[in-house]
Amino acid sequence: MQLDWFSIIIITAVVLVGGYAIVIQILTKKKGIETEAVVTNVRESWDHHGEHATLSYTYSVEFRNEDGETVVTALGGLSDAKKDLEVGDRIVIKYLKDKQEYPIMVRKL
């Protein structure tokens, strides 16, 4: 099977975006600023892929950054699987100073 240029561009874009997400997650784990956050929203949604459907979760968190500013954003990470979190739960997160909108969960308190 031979791919056309459009398919090659789309595949390349997907690989680059996925690679970027992995790099950000690794940097956050290694060099991220650790702080406490509170879960402010839990959203369940069904993702339909043809005949198959998957339940995914989006968690919103609120935390104070290094400068004392309040940040409200979705919890990042490469998985949208259930993390057994509820609104009001306190967790420890890590974030990068220049990528505060992509915090990752370290552990539940």
Protein backbone atom coordinates (compact mmCIF):
# COMPACT_ATOMS: atom_id res chain seq x y z
CA MET A 1 0.00 0.00 0.00
CA GLN A 2 1.38 3.36 -0.98
CA LEU A 3 0.55 6.47 1.07
CA ASP A 4 -0.32 9.80 -0.52
CA TRP A 5 1.25 13.07 0.67
CA PHE A 6 -1.77 14.06 2.73
CA SER A 7 -1.62 10.79 4.72
CA ILE A 8 2.11 11.20 5.29
CA ILE A 9 1.60 14.75 6.60
CA ILE A 10 -1.21 13.66 8.94
CA ILE A 11 0.81 10.72 10.29
CA THR A 12 3.83 12.97 10.81
CA ALA A 13 1.72 15.57 12.65
CA VAL A 14 0.24 12.93 14.96
CA VAL A 15 3.70 11.52 15.74
CA LEU A 16 5.10 15.01 16.45
CA VAL A 17 2.22 15.99 18.75
CA GLY A 18 2.44 12.68 20.61
CA GLY A 19 6.21 13.04 20.96
CA TYR A 20 5.82 16.58 22.27
CA ALA A 21 3.29 15.40 24.88
CA ILE A 22 5.68 12.67 26.03
CA VAL A 23 8.59 15.14 26.31
CA ILE A 24 6.48 17.58 28.36
CA GLN A 25 5.37 14.79 30.70
CA ILE A 26 8.96 13.56 31.23
CA LEU A 27 10.23 17.10 31.87
CA THR A 28 7.38 17.74 34.32
CA LYS A 29 8.14 14.56 36.24
CA LYS A 30 11.87 15.33 36.43
CA LYS A 31 11.99 19.12 36.80
CA GLY A 32 8.45 20.11 37.75
CA ILE A 33 7.50 22.26 40.71
CA GLU A 34 5.62 20.19 43.27
CA THR A 35 2.58 21.66 45.01
CA GLU A 36 -0.80 20.76 46.43
CA ALA A 37 -3.98 21.00 44.36
CA VAL A 38 -7.70 20.49 44.90
CA VAL A 39 -9.92 18.63 42.44
CA THR A 40 -12.64 21.07 41.37
CA ASN A 41 -14.48 19.06 38.70
CA VAL A 42 -14.71 15.49 37.43
CA ARG A 43 -16.19 14.97 33.98
CA GLU A 44 -17.00 11.59 32.46
CA SER A 45 -17.48 11.29 28.72
CA TRP A 46 -18.00 8.48 26.26
CA ASP A 47 -15.68 8.44 23.28
CA HIS A 48 -17.22 6.57 20.36
CA HIS A 49 -14.93 4.89 17.83
CA GLY A 50 -17.08 3.08 15.34
CA GLU A 51 -18.86 0.30 17.23
CA HIS A 52 -16.68 0.68 20.32
CA ALA A 53 -17.13 3.22 23.09
CA THR A 54 -14.68 4.13 25.86
CA LEU A 55 -15.37 6.00 29.07
CA SER A 56 -12.82 8.75 29.67
CA TYR A 57 -12.33 11.16 32.56
CA THR A 58 -11.26 14.78 32.72
CA TYR A 59 -10.24 16.20 36.09
CA SER A 60 -10.04 19.93 36.75
CA VAL A 61 -7.75 21.11 39.52
CA GLU A 62 -6.99 24.37 41.28
CA PHE A 63 -3.61 25.21 42.74
CA ARG A 64 -1.41 28.14 43.70
CA ASN A 65 1.65 28.48 41.54
CA GLU A 66 5.12 29.52 42.65
CA ASP A 67 4.13 33.21 42.29
CA GLY A 68 1.06 32.80 44.51
CA GLU A 69 -1.40 33.02 41.62
CA THR A 70 -4.40 30.69 41.48
CA VAL A 71 -4.39 28.38 38.46
CA VAL A 72 -7.45 26.38 37.38
CA THR A 73 -6.82 23.84 34.64
CA ALA A 74 -7.37 20.25 33.56
CA LEU A 75 -5.11 17.64 35.05
CA GLY A 76 -2.65 16.56 32.39
CA GLY A 77 -0.96 13.30 31.66
CA LEU A 78 -1.04 10.78 28.87
CA SER A 79 -4.01 8.88 30.25
CA ASP A 80 -7.63 9.88 30.59
CA ALA A 81 -8.37 6.77 32.64
CA LYS A 82 -10.19 6.87 35.97
CA LYS A 83 -7.93 8.08 38.78
CA ASP A 84 -10.50 7.52 41.57
CA LEU A 85 -10.67 11.23 42.36
CA GLU A 86 -13.70 13.18 43.55
CA VAL A 87 -14.42 16.89 43.79
CA GLY A 88 -12.69 18.24 46.89
CA ASP A 89 -9.90 15.64 46.95
CA ARG A 90 -6.45 17.03 47.72
CA ILE A 91 -3.62 15.79 45.52
CA VAL A 92 0.04 16.55 44.91
CA ILE A 93 0.88 17.71 41.40
CA LYS A 94 3.92 18.81 39.46
CA TYR A 95 3.93 21.54 36.83
CA LEU A 96 6.46 23.40 34.73
CA LYS A 97 6.66 27.16 35.32
CA ASP A 98 6.15 27.87 31.61
CA LYS A 99 3.54 25.09 31.10
CA GLN A 100 1.25 25.53 34.11
CA GLU A 101 -1.76 24.36 32.09
CA TYR A 102 -0.34 20.80 32.01
CA PRO A 103 0.04 19.66 35.63
CA ILE A 104 0.47 15.96 36.30
CA MET A 105 -0.65 14.09 39.38
CA VAL A 106 2.03 12.75 41.71
CA ARG A 107 -0.17 11.24 44.41
CA LYS A 108 -3.40 11.58 46.34
CA LEU A 109 -3.24 13.02 49.86
